[in-house]
Amino acid sequence: MPRAAFFTALMALAATAAPGAHAASSDADTAMLALAQRHGCTACHQVEPGGQASDGLAPLGPAWRDVSLKYTGERSVEDRLVATVLGGSRPHLSHWKGERSGASMPAQQPSISPEDARALVRWILALGPRP
């Protein structure tokens, strides 16, 4: 992801944070976005829905805020999503079937460690609705 697109994503995230919450989470947001960029996640995903990927096309994967909203309150979703990040998904069994392209998410292990995958999933799930 080009540097300009990364900073655009970071600014979009900053603009959506609650006034008091952003100061406390700014470092975590920056760290998680950098982690996602380092592992190539931002090639297919972005924080906010409705935008464009760095190539100008609609992102292939769901926006992370949509992921957070879809799984709010669901038990054991963290473990399932970590398993998806590490092991990939199959398009015909996709939990986003009919909502995103038919492409499956490729396995990201060993490119991302299980610990980093869990940290990223926890951050995504904590995004919640736009304030």
C-alpha atoms as a PDB file:
ATOM      1  CA  MET A   1       0.000   0.000   0.000  1.00  0.00           C
ATOM      2  CA  PRO A   2       1.473   3.369  -0.932  1.00  0.00           C
ATOM      3  CA  ARG A   3       2.396   5.638   1.949  1.00  0.00           C
ATOM      4  CA  ALA A   4      -0.246   8.224   0.961  1.00  0.00           C
ATOM      5  CA  ALA A   5      -3.024   5.620   1.028  1.00  0.00           C
ATOM      6  CA  PHE A   6      -1.863   4.397   4.452  1.00  0.00           C
ATOM      7  CA  PHE A   7      -2.028   7.899   5.877  1.00  0.00           C
ATOM      8  CA  THR A   8      -5.426   8.442   4.248  1.00  0.00           C
ATOM      9  CA  ALA A   9      -6.697   5.299   6.012  1.00  0.00           C
ATOM     10  CA  LEU A  10      -5.161   6.469   9.261  1.00  0.00           C
ATOM     11  CA  MET A  11      -6.829   9.885   8.942  1.00  0.00           C
ATOM     12  CA  ALA A  12     -10.178   8.242   8.140  1.00  0.00           C
ATOM     13  CA  LEU A  13      -9.871   6.207  11.306  1.00  0.00           C
ATOM     14  CA  ALA A  14      -8.909   9.266  13.335  1.00  0.00           C
ATOM     15  CA  ALA A  15     -11.915  11.174  12.020  1.00  0.00           C
ATOM     16  CA  THR A  16     -14.307   8.474  13.210  1.00  0.00           C
ATOM     17  CA  ALA A  17     -13.062   8.198  16.772  1.00  0.00           C
ATOM     18  CA  ALA A  18     -15.004   9.675  19.659  1.00  0.00           C
ATOM     19  CA  PRO A  19     -13.350  12.907  20.857  1.00  0.00           C
ATOM     20  CA  GLY A  20     -12.016  11.513  24.138  1.00  0.00           C
ATOM     21  CA  ALA A  21     -11.344   8.015  22.841  1.00  0.00           C
ATOM     22  CA  HIS A  22      -8.995   9.009  20.048  1.00  0.00           C
ATOM     23  CA  ALA A  23      -6.297  10.427  22.281  1.00  0.00           C
ATOM     24  CA  ALA A  24      -6.196   7.213  24.273  1.00  0.00           C
ATOM     25  CA  SER A  25      -6.270   4.872  21.276  1.00  0.00           C
ATOM     26  CA  SER A  26      -4.204   6.831  18.749  1.00  0.00           C
ATOM     27  CA  ASP A  27      -1.012   4.870  19.396  1.00  0.00           C
ATOM     28  CA  ALA A  28      -2.862   1.537  19.227  1.00  0.00           C
ATOM     29  CA  ASP A  29      -4.611   2.549  15.995  1.00  0.00           C
ATOM     30  CA  THR A  30      -1.319   3.597  14.425  1.00  0.00           C
ATOM     31  CA  ALA A  31       0.366   0.375  15.538  1.00  0.00           C
ATOM     32  CA  MET A  32      -2.448  -1.854  14.263  1.00  0.00           C
ATOM     33  CA  LEU A  33      -2.657  -0.063  10.911  1.00  0.00           C
ATOM     34  CA  ALA A  34       1.117  -0.387  10.539  1.00  0.00           C
ATOM     35  CA  LEU A  35       0.887  -4.099  11.425  1.00  0.00           C
ATOM     36  CA  ALA A  36      -1.889  -4.571   8.859  1.00  0.00           C
ATOM     37  CA  GLN A  37       0.083  -2.739   6.194  1.00  0.00           C
ATOM     38  CA  ARG A  38       3.263  -4.707   6.944  1.00  0.00           C
ATOM     39  CA  HIS A  39       1.414  -7.992   6.441  1.00  0.00           C
ATOM     40  CA  GLY A  40      -0.453  -6.913   3.300  1.00  0.00           C
ATOM     41  CA  CYS A  41      -3.920  -6.808   4.881  1.00  0.00           C
ATOM     42  CA  THR A  42      -4.619  -3.374   3.446  1.00  0.00           C
ATOM     43  CA  ALA A  43      -4.333  -4.737  -0.080  1.00  0.00           C
ATOM     44  CA  CYS A  44      -7.844  -6.181   0.387  1.00  0.00           C
ATOM     45  CA  HIS A  45      -9.259  -4.483   3.501  1.00  0.00           C
ATOM     46  CA  GLN A  46      -9.738  -0.985   4.846  1.00  0.00           C
ATOM     47  CA  VAL A  47     -11.129   0.432   8.072  1.00  0.00           C
ATOM     48  CA  GLU A  48     -14.244   2.177   6.763  1.00  0.00           C
ATOM     49  CA  PRO A  49     -16.789   0.784   4.298  1.00  0.00           C
ATOM     50  CA  GLY A  50     -17.471   2.352   0.943  1.00  0.00           C
ATOM     51  CA  GLY A  51     -14.016   3.482  -0.012  1.00  0.00           C
ATOM     52  CA  GLN A  52     -11.551   2.464  -2.641  1.00  0.00           C
ATOM     53  CA  ALA A  53      -8.424   0.383  -2.444  1.00  0.00           C
ATOM     54  CA  SER A  54      -5.083   1.893  -3.411  1.00  0.00           C
ATOM     55  CA  ASP A  55      -5.698   0.809  -7.019  1.00  0.00           C
ATOM     56  CA  GLY A  56      -8.952   2.796  -7.157  1.00  0.00           C
ATOM     57  CA  LEU A  57     -11.187  -0.290  -7.169  1.00  0.00           C
ATOM     58  CA  ALA A  58     -13.569  -1.413  -4.453  1.00  0.00           C
ATOM     59  CA  PRO A  59     -11.713  -3.390  -1.785  1.00  0.00           C
ATOM     60  CA  LEU A  60     -11.854  -7.147  -2.186  1.00  0.00           C
ATOM     61  CA  GLY A  61     -12.380  -7.909   1.505  1.00  0.00           C
ATOM     62  CA  PRO A  62     -14.913  -6.467   3.921  1.00  0.00           C
ATOM     63  CA  ALA A  63     -14.165  -3.200   5.708  1.00  0.00           C
ATOM     64  CA  TRP A  64     -13.014  -3.822   9.254  1.00  0.00           C
ATOM     65  CA  ARG A  65     -15.746  -1.669  10.763  1.00  0.00           C
ATOM     66  CA  ASP A  66     -18.281  -3.918   8.968  1.00  0.00           C
ATOM     67  CA  VAL A  67     -16.525  -6.955  10.448  1.00  0.00           C
ATOM     68  CA  SER A  68     -16.773  -5.417  13.900  1.00  0.00           C
ATOM     69  CA  LEU A  69     -20.477  -4.689  13.485  1.00  0.00           C
ATOM     70  CA  LYS A  70     -21.304  -8.091  11.994  1.00  0.00           C
ATOM     71  CA  TYR A  71     -19.804  -9.995  14.908  1.00  0.00           C
ATOM     72  CA  THR A  72     -20.730  -7.748  17.861  1.00  0.00           C
ATOM     73  CA  GLY A  73     -21.651  -9.921  20.818  1.00  0.00           C
ATOM     74  CA  GLU A  74     -20.973 -13.206  19.035  1.00  0.00           C
ATOM     75  CA  ARG A  75     -19.273 -15.819  21.210  1.00  0.00           C
ATOM     76  CA  SER A  76     -15.921 -17.286  20.187  1.00  0.00           C
ATOM     77  CA  VAL A  77     -15.776 -15.076  17.098  1.00  0.00           C
ATOM     78  CA  GLU A  78     -12.260 -13.956  17.967  1.00  0.00           C
ATOM     79  CA  ASP A  79     -10.920 -17.510  17.708  1.00  0.00           C
ATOM     80  CA  ARG A  80     -12.797 -18.096  14.432  1.00  0.00           C
ATOM     81  CA  LEU A  81     -11.496 -14.905  12.844  1.00  0.00           C
ATOM     82  CA  VAL A  82      -7.927 -15.577  13.986  1.00  0.00           C
ATOM     83  CA  ALA A  83      -8.228 -19.025  12.392  1.00  0.00           C
ATOM     84  CA  THR A  84      -9.476 -17.389   9.170  1.00  0.00           C
ATOM     85  CA  VAL A  85      -6.575 -14.921   9.127  1.00  0.00           C
ATOM     86  CA  LEU A  86      -4.033 -17.680   9.699  1.00  0.00           C
ATOM     87  CA  GLY A  87      -5.594 -20.449   7.616  1.00  0.00           C
ATOM     88  CA  GLY A  88      -7.607 -18.568   5.002  1.00  0.00           C
ATOM     89  CA  SER A  89     -11.200 -19.125   3.953  1.00  0.00           C
ATOM     90  CA  ARG A  90     -13.066 -21.072   1.306  1.00  0.00           C
ATOM     91  CA  PRO A  91     -15.295 -18.989  -0.956  1.00  0.00           C
ATOM     92  CA  HIS A  92     -18.333 -21.312  -0.874  1.00  0.00           C
ATOM     93  CA  LEU A  93     -18.309 -21.383   2.928  1.00  0.00           C
ATOM     94  CA  SER A  94     -17.488 -17.713   3.360  1.00  0.00           C
ATOM     95  CA  HIS A  95     -19.144 -15.839   6.200  1.00  0.00           C
ATOM     96  CA  TRP A  96     -19.340 -12.900   3.724  1.00  0.00           C
ATOM     97  CA  LYS A  97     -20.966 -14.906   0.893  1.00  0.00           C
ATOM     98  CA  GLY A  98     -23.195 -12.679  -1.190  1.00  0.00           C
ATOM     99  CA  GLU A  99     -21.787  -9.538   0.438  1.00  0.00           C
ATOM    100  CA  ARG A 100     -18.287  -9.482  -1.063  1.00  0.00           C
ATOM    101  CA  SER A 101     -16.634 -10.936  -4.129  1.00  0.00           C
ATOM    102  CA  GLY A 102     -16.386 -14.698  -4.421  1.00  0.00           C
ATOM    103  CA  ALA A 103     -12.672 -14.596  -3.702  1.00  0.00           C
ATOM    104  CA  SER A 104     -11.423 -16.371  -0.646  1.00  0.00           C
ATOM    105  CA  MET A 105      -8.986 -14.976   1.872  1.00  0.00           C
ATOM    106  CA  PRO A 106      -5.599 -16.605   1.445  1.00  0.00           C
ATOM    107  CA  ALA A 107      -3.862 -18.102   4.457  1.00  0.00           C
ATOM    108  CA  GLN A 108      -1.587 -15.545   6.079  1.00  0.00           C
ATOM    109  CA  GLN A 109       0.522 -17.856   8.226  1.00  0.00           C
ATOM    110  CA  PRO A 110       3.559 -17.878   8.415  1.00  0.00           C
ATOM    111  CA  SER A 111       3.625 -14.266   7.175  1.00  0.00           C
ATOM    112  CA  ILE A 112       1.802 -13.163  10.340  1.00  0.00           C
ATOM    113  CA  SER A 113       2.282 -14.742  13.739  1.00  0.00           C
ATOM    114  CA  PRO A 114      -0.699 -16.078  15.684  1.00  0.00           C
ATOM    115  CA  GLU A 115      -0.062 -13.367  18.305  1.00  0.00           C
ATOM    116  CA  ASP A 116      -0.109 -10.559  15.728  1.00  0.00           C
ATOM    117  CA  ALA A 117      -3.193 -12.038  14.061  1.00  0.00           C
ATOM    118  CA  ARG A 118      -4.997 -12.116  17.423  1.00  0.00           C
ATOM    119  CA  ALA A 119      -3.971  -8.539  18.235  1.00  0.00           C
ATOM    120  CA  LEU A 120      -5.245  -7.348  14.848  1.00  0.00           C
ATOM    121  CA  VAL A 121      -8.544  -9.261  15.192  1.00  0.00           C
ATOM    122  CA  ARG A 122      -9.093  -7.841  18.697  1.00  0.00           C
ATOM    123  CA  TRP A 123      -8.487  -4.326  17.382  1.00  0.00           C
ATOM    124  CA  ILE A 124     -10.884  -4.876  14.470  1.00  0.00           C
ATOM    125  CA  LEU A 125     -13.606  -6.255  16.733  1.00  0.00           C
ATOM    126  CA  ALA A 126     -13.215  -3.264  19.060  1.00  0.00           C
ATOM    127  CA  LEU A 127     -13.821  -0.731  16.268  1.00  0.00           C
ATOM    128  CA  GLY A 128     -17.599  -0.836  16.723  1.00  0.00           C
ATOM    129  CA  PRO A 129     -20.009   1.526  14.975  1.00  0.00           C
ATOM    130  CA  ARG A 130     -19.011   4.963  13.774  1.00  0.00           C
ATOM    131  CA  PRO A 131     -19.594   7.502  16.534  1.00  0.00           C
END
